PDB file of all heavy atoms in Angstrom:
ATOM      1  N   GLU A   1     103.175  18.384 136.512  1.00  0.00           N
ATOM      2  CA  GLU A   1     103.202  18.796 135.118  1.00  0.00           C
ATOM      3  C   GLU A   1     104.373  18.210 134.320  1.00  0.00           C
ATOM      4  O   GLU A   1     104.196  17.875 133.151  1.00  0.00           O
ATOM      5  CB  GLU A   1     103.189  20.302 135.022  1.00  0.00           C
ATOM      6  CG  GLU A   1     101.903  20.926 135.499  1.00  0.00           C
ATOM      7  CD  GLU A   1     101.875  22.431 135.408  1.00  0.00           C
ATOM      8  OE1 GLU A   1     102.929  23.074 135.255  1.00  0.00           O
ATOM      9  OE2 GLU A   1     100.788  23.003 135.529  1.00  0.00           O
ATOM     10  N   ALA A   2     105.493  18.011 134.962  1.00  0.00           N
ATOM     11  CA  ALA A   2     106.694  17.599 134.190  1.00  0.00           C
ATOM     12  C   ALA A   2     106.695  16.133 133.839  1.00  0.00           C
ATOM     13  O   ALA A   2     107.117  15.771 132.700  1.00  0.00           O
ATOM     14  CB  ALA A   2     107.953  17.939 134.971  1.00  0.00           C
ATOM     15  N   GLU A   3     106.244  15.272 134.708  1.00  0.00           N
ATOM     16  CA  GLU A   3     106.327  13.815 134.477  1.00  0.00           C
ATOM     17  C   GLU A   3     105.028  13.064 134.577  1.00  0.00           C
ATOM     18  O   GLU A   3     104.715  12.241 133.723  1.00  0.00           O
ATOM     19  CB  GLU A   3     107.369  13.232 135.478  1.00  0.00           C
ATOM     20  CG  GLU A   3     108.764  13.795 135.325  1.00  0.00           C
ATOM     21  CD  GLU A   3     109.727  13.204 136.373  1.00  0.00           C
ATOM     22  OE1 GLU A   3     109.295  12.372 137.179  1.00  0.00           O
ATOM     23  OE2 GLU A   3     110.924  13.585 136.308  1.00  0.00           O
ATOM     24  N   VAL A   4     104.261  13.329 135.636  1.00  0.00           N
ATOM     25  CA  VAL A   4     103.034  12.613 135.834  1.00  0.00           C
ATOM     26  C   VAL A   4     102.004  12.850 134.710  1.00  0.00           C
ATOM     27  O   VAL A   4     101.399  11.903 134.192  1.00  0.00           O
ATOM     28  CB  VAL A   4     102.399  12.934 137.217  1.00  0.00           C
ATOM     29  CG1 VAL A   4     100.978  12.432 137.325  1.00  0.00           C
ATOM     30  CG2 VAL A   4     103.256  12.328 138.328  1.00  0.00           C
ATOM     31  N   VAL A   5     101.825  14.102 134.340  1.00  0.00           N
ATOM     32  CA  VAL A   5     100.813  14.400 133.306  1.00  0.00           C
ATOM     33  C   VAL A   5     101.182  13.787 131.965  1.00  0.00           C
ATOM     34  O   VAL A   5     100.328  13.150 131.350  1.00  0.00           O
ATOM     35  CB  VAL A   5     100.567  15.898 133.247  1.00  0.00           C
ATOM     36  CG1 VAL A   5      99.810  16.281 131.946  1.00  0.00           C
ATOM     37  CG2 VAL A   5      99.775  16.395 134.457  1.00  0.00           C
ATOM     38  N   PRO A   6     102.415  13.930 131.459  1.00  0.00           N
ATOM     39  CA  PRO A   6     102.729  13.347 130.138  1.00  0.00           C
ATOM     40  C   PRO A   6     102.584  11.831 130.144  1.00  0.00           C
ATOM     41  O   PRO A   6     102.041  11.230 129.200  1.00  0.00           O
ATOM     42  CB  PRO A   6     104.211  13.716 129.968  1.00  0.00           C
ATOM     43  CG  PRO A   6     104.394  14.982 130.724  1.00  0.00           C
ATOM     44  CD  PRO A   6     103.515  14.818 131.927  1.00  0.00           C
ATOM     45  N   THR A   7     103.000  11.161 131.262  1.00  0.00           N
ATOM     46  CA  THR A   7     102.808   9.727 131.346  1.00  0.00           C
ATOM     47  C   THR A   7     101.368   9.364 131.414  1.00  0.00           C
ATOM     48  O   THR A   7     100.906   8.366 130.724  1.00  0.00           O
ATOM     49  CB  THR A   7     103.524   9.186 132.603  1.00  0.00           C
ATOM     50  OG1 THR A   7     104.963   9.437 132.509  1.00  0.00           O
ATOM     51  CG2 THR A   7     103.310   7.659 132.780  1.00  0.00           C
ATOM     52  N   SER A   8     100.565  10.088 132.135  1.00  0.00           N
ATOM     53  CA  SER A   8      99.151   9.797 132.244  1.00  0.00           C
ATOM     54  C   SER A   8      98.425   9.992 130.921  1.00  0.00           C
ATOM     55  O   SER A   8      97.509   9.217 130.561  1.00  0.00           O
ATOM     56  CB  SER A   8      98.523  10.702 133.320  1.00  0.00           C
ATOM     57  OG  SER A   8      99.081  10.447 134.593  1.00  0.00           O
ATOM     58  N   ILE A   9      98.776  10.998 130.169  1.00  0.00           N
ATOM     59  CA  ILE A   9      98.169  11.232 128.873  1.00  0.00           C
ATOM     60  C   ILE A   9      98.469  10.007 127.984  1.00  0.00           C
ATOM     61  O   ILE A   9      97.583   9.498 127.253  1.00  0.00           O
ATOM     62  CB  ILE A   9      98.658  12.522 128.236  1.00  0.00           C
ATOM     63  CG1 ILE A   9      98.116  13.737 129.011  1.00  0.00           C
ATOM     64  CG2 ILE A   9      98.290  12.616 126.758  1.00  0.00           C
ATOM     65  CD1 ILE A   9      98.728  15.057 128.596  1.00  0.00           C
ATOM     66  N   GLU A  10      99.695   9.558 127.997  1.00  0.00           N
ATOM     67  CA  GLU A  10     100.073   8.415 127.189  1.00  0.00           C
ATOM     68  C   GLU A  10      99.258   7.168 127.545  1.00  0.00           C
ATOM     69  O   GLU A  10      98.838   6.450 126.652  1.00  0.00           O
ATOM     70  CB  GLU A  10     101.561   8.117 127.404  1.00  0.00           C
ATOM     71  CG  GLU A  10     102.047   6.857 126.668  1.00  0.00           C
ATOM     72  CD  GLU A  10     103.409   6.430 127.151  1.00  0.00           C
ATOM     73  OE1 GLU A  10     104.161   7.230 127.808  1.00  0.00           O
ATOM     74  OE2 GLU A  10     103.787   5.257 126.925  1.00  0.00           O
ATOM     75  N   LEU A  11      99.017   6.958 128.841  1.00  0.00           N
ATOM     76  CA  LEU A  11      98.383   5.753 129.303  1.00  0.00           C
ATOM     77  C   LEU A  11      96.851   5.862 129.414  1.00  0.00           C
ATOM     78  O   LEU A  11      96.189   4.846 129.623  1.00  0.00           O
ATOM     79  CB  LEU A  11      98.925   5.354 130.698  1.00  0.00           C
ATOM     80  CG  LEU A  11     100.453   5.090 130.767  1.00  0.00           C
ATOM     81  CD1 LEU A  11     100.885   4.768 132.189  1.00  0.00           C
ATOM     82  CD2 LEU A  11     100.846   3.935 129.821  1.00  0.00           C
ATOM     83  N   GLY A  12      96.358   7.054 129.279  1.00  0.00           N
ATOM     84  CA  GLY A  12      94.896   7.235 129.372  1.00  0.00           C
ATOM     85  C   GLY A  12      94.428   7.331 130.812  1.00  0.00           C
ATOM     86  O   GLY A  12      93.320   6.927 131.126  1.00  0.00           O
ATOM     87  N   VAL A  13      95.289   7.877 131.694  1.00  0.00           N
ATOM     88  CA  VAL A  13      94.979   8.063 133.118  1.00  0.00           C
ATOM     89  C   VAL A  13      94.620   9.521 133.333  1.00  0.00           C
ATOM     90  O   VAL A  13      95.371  10.407 132.950  1.00  0.00           O
ATOM     91  CB  VAL A  13      96.189   7.636 133.987  1.00  0.00           C
ATOM     92  CG1 VAL A  13      95.961   8.024 135.458  1.00  0.00           C
ATOM     93  CG2 VAL A  13      96.469   6.164 133.849  1.00  0.00           C
ATOM     94  N   GLY A  14      93.478   9.745 133.962  1.00  0.00           N
ATOM     95  CA  GLY A  14      93.068  11.139 134.246  1.00  0.00           C
ATOM     96  C   GLY A  14      93.437  11.562 135.653  1.00  0.00           C
ATOM     97  O   GLY A  14      93.551  10.741 136.578  1.00  0.00           O
ATOM     98  N   GLN A  15      93.598  12.869 135.851  1.00  0.00           N
ATOM     99  CA  GLN A  15      93.882  13.406 137.191  1.00  0.00           C
ATOM    100  C   GLN A  15      92.579  13.851 137.864  1.00  0.00           C
ATOM    101  O   GLN A  15      91.794  14.558 137.255  1.00  0.00           O
ATOM    102  CB  GLN A  15      94.844  14.622 137.079  1.00  0.00           C
ATOM    103  CG  GLN A  15      96.078  14.368 136.246  1.00  0.00           C
ATOM    104  CD  GLN A  15      96.930  13.197 136.706  1.00  0.00           C
ATOM    105  OE1 GLN A  15      97.169  13.052 137.904  1.00  0.00           O
ATOM    106  NE2 GLN A  15      97.368  12.390 135.781  1.00  0.00           N
ATOM    107  N   VAL A  16      92.416  13.398 139.101  1.00  0.00           N
ATOM    108  CA  VAL A  16      91.326  13.904 139.958  1.00  0.00           C
ATOM    109  C   VAL A  16      92.005  14.676 141.013  1.00  0.00           C
ATOM    110  O   VAL A  16      92.514  14.121 141.979  1.00  0.00           O
ATOM    111  CB  VAL A  16      90.504  12.729 140.537  1.00  0.00           C
ATOM    112  CG1 VAL A  16      89.394  13.276 141.418  1.00  0.00           C
ATOM    113  CG2 VAL A  16      89.918  11.865 139.403  1.00  0.00           C
ATOM    114  N   VAL A  17      92.125  15.988 140.852  1.00  0.00           N
ATOM    115  CA  VAL A  17      93.043  16.761 141.671  1.00  0.00           C
ATOM    116  C   VAL A  17      92.446  17.284 142.947  1.00  0.00           C
ATOM    117  O   VAL A  17      91.281  17.647 143.020  1.00  0.00           O
ATOM    118  CB  VAL A  17      93.662  17.926 140.854  1.00  0.00           C
ATOM    119  CG1 VAL A  17      94.280  17.408 139.563  1.00  0.00           C
ATOM    120  CG2 VAL A  17      92.639  19.007 140.531  1.00  0.00           C
ATOM    121  N   TRP A  18      93.236  17.305 144.013  1.00  0.00           N
ATOM    122  CA  TRP A  18      92.794  17.834 145.277  1.00  0.00           C
ATOM    123  C   TRP A  18      93.540  19.125 145.612  1.00  0.00           C
ATOM    124  O   TRP A  18      94.570  19.382 145.090  1.00  0.00           O
ATOM    125  CB  TRP A  18      92.921  16.812 146.406  1.00  0.00           C
ATOM    126  CG  TRP A  18      94.286  16.257 146.706  1.00  0.00           C
ATOM    127  CD1 TRP A  18      94.892  15.190 146.072  1.00  0.00           C
ATOM    128  CD2 TRP A  18      95.226  16.701 147.676  1.00  0.00           C
ATOM    129  NE1 TRP A  18      96.157  14.976 146.611  1.00  0.00           N
ATOM    130  CE2 TRP A  18      96.374  15.870 147.613  1.00  0.00           C
ATOM    131  CE3 TRP A  18      95.193  17.728 148.656  1.00  0.00           C
ATOM    132  CZ2 TRP A  18      97.480  16.017 148.455  1.00  0.00           C
ATOM    133  CZ3 TRP A  18      96.302  17.869 149.504  1.00  0.00           C
ATOM    134  CH2 TRP A  18      97.394  17.049 149.418  1.00  0.00           C
ATOM    135  N   SER A  19      92.928  19.887 146.476  1.00  0.00           N
ATOM    136  CA  SER A  19      93.445  21.223 146.934  1.00  0.00           C
ATOM    137  C   SER A  19      93.671  22.177 145.793  1.00  0.00           C
ATOM    138  O   SER A  19      94.703  22.819 145.693  1.00  0.00           O
ATOM    139  CB  SER A  19      94.736  21.006 147.699  1.00  0.00           C
ATOM    140  OG  SER A  19      95.024  22.129 148.509  1.00  0.00           O
ATOM    141  N   PRO A  20      92.694  22.373 144.886  1.00  0.00           N
ATOM    142  CA  PRO A  20      92.916  23.319 143.794  1.00  0.00           C
ATOM    143  C   PRO A  20      92.976  24.761 144.260  1.00  0.00           C
ATOM    144  O   PRO A  20      93.503  25.595 143.517  1.00  0.00           O
ATOM    145  CB  PRO A  20      91.634  23.078 142.890  1.00  0.00           C
ATOM    146  CG  PRO A  20      90.607  22.531 143.847  1.00  0.00           C
ATOM    147  CD  PRO A  20      91.376  21.704 144.778  1.00  0.00           C
ATOM    148  N   ILE A  21      92.489  25.068 145.468  1.00  0.00           N
ATOM    149  CA  ILE A  21      92.630  26.416 145.978  1.00  0.00           C
ATOM    150  C   ILE A  21      93.695  26.496 147.069  1.00  0.00           C
ATOM    151  O   ILE A  21      93.753  27.457 147.846  1.00  0.00           O
ATOM    152  CB  ILE A  21      91.303  27.014 146.480  1.00  0.00           C
ATOM    153  CG1 ILE A  21      90.677  26.161 147.593  1.00  0.00           C
ATOM    154  CG2 ILE A  21      90.334  27.156 145.294  1.00  0.00           C
ATOM    155  CD1 ILE A  21      89.422  26.782 148.215  1.00  0.00           C
ATOM    156  N   ALA A  22      94.590  25.469 147.099  1.00  0.00           N
ATOM    157  CA  ALA A  22      95.731  25.452 148.026  1.00  0.00           C
ATOM    158  C   ALA A  22      95.292  25.697 149.453  1.00  0.00           C
ATOM    159  O   ALA A  22      95.767  26.611 150.155  1.00  0.00           O
ATOM    160  CB  ALA A  22      96.774  26.503 147.576  1.00  0.00           C
ATOM    161  N   GLN A  23      94.382  24.854 149.877  1.00  0.00           N
ATOM    162  CA  GLN A  23      93.863  24.936 151.282  1.00  0.00           C
ATOM    163  C   GLN A  23      93.265  26.273 151.618  1.00  0.00           C
ATOM    164  O   GLN A  23      93.249  26.689 152.786  1.00  0.00           O
ATOM    165  CB  GLN A  23      94.976  24.581 152.263  1.00  0.00           C
ATOM    166  CG  GLN A  23      95.557  23.191 152.059  1.00  0.00           C
ATOM    167  CD  GLN A  23      94.533  22.148 152.467  1.00  0.00           C
ATOM    168  OE1 GLN A  23      94.219  21.952 153.611  1.00  0.00           O
ATOM    169  NE2 GLN A  23      94.064  21.401 151.460  1.00  0.00           N
ATOM    170  N   GLY A  24      92.764  26.976 150.624  1.00  0.00           N
ATOM    171  CA  GLY A  24      92.117  28.256 150.852  1.00  0.00           C
ATOM    172  C   GLY A  24      93.053  29.457 150.626  1.00  0.00           C
ATOM    173  O   GLY A  24      92.562  30.569 150.548  1.00  0.00           O
ATOM    174  N   VAL A  25      94.318  29.226 150.433  1.00  0.00           N
ATOM    175  CA  VAL A  25      95.259  30.339 150.247  1.00  0.00           C
ATOM    176  C   VAL A  25      94.914  31.113 148.980  1.00  0.00           C
ATOM    177  O   VAL A  25      95.009  32.347 148.943  1.00  0.00           O
ATOM    178  CB  VAL A  25      96.736  29.815 150.199  1.00  0.00           C
ATOM    179  CG1 VAL A  25      97.676  30.932 149.767  1.00  0.00           C
ATOM    180  CG2 VAL A  25      97.118  29.330 151.617  1.00  0.00           C
ATOM    181  N   LEU A  26      94.534  30.420 147.907  1.00  0.00           N
ATOM    182  CA  LEU A  26      94.256  31.068 146.632  1.00  0.00           C
ATOM    183  C   LEU A  26      92.911  31.853 146.629  1.00  0.00           C
ATOM    184  O   LEU A  26      92.580  32.452 145.621  1.00  0.00           O
ATOM    185  CB  LEU A  26      94.315  30.030 145.482  1.00  0.00           C
ATOM    186  CG  LEU A  26      95.718  29.600 145.106  1.00  0.00           C
ATOM    187  CD1 LEU A  26      95.681  28.406 144.161  1.00  0.00           C
ATOM    188  CD2 LEU A  26      96.477  30.760 144.482  1.00  0.00           C
ATOM    189  N   THR A  27      92.176  31.812 147.752  1.00  0.00           N
ATOM    190  CA  THR A  27      91.039  32.678 147.834  1.00  0.00           C
ATOM    191  C   THR A  27      91.426  34.121 148.143  1.00  0.00           C
ATOM    192  O   THR A  27      90.572  34.988 148.047  1.00  0.00           O
ATOM    193  CB  THR A  27      90.044  32.221 148.969  1.00  0.00           C
ATOM    194  OG1 THR A  27      90.684  32.361 150.233  1.00  0.00           O
ATOM    195  CG2 THR A  27      89.632  30.759 148.763  1.00  0.00           C
ATOM    196  N   GLY A  28      92.659  34.344 148.578  1.00  0.00           N
ATOM    197  CA  GLY A  28      93.132  35.652 148.910  1.00  0.00           C
ATOM    198  C   GLY A  28      92.747  36.128 150.295  1.00  0.00           C
ATOM    199  O   GLY A  28      93.070  37.246 150.664  1.00  0.00           O
TER     200      GLY A  28
END
């Protein structure tokens, strides 16, 4: 969030993110 996203927005680079549920931890 601090560096990669602002730079990517400037350059037109999108994020294809992995582990959005933190390997299952965020399922509870």
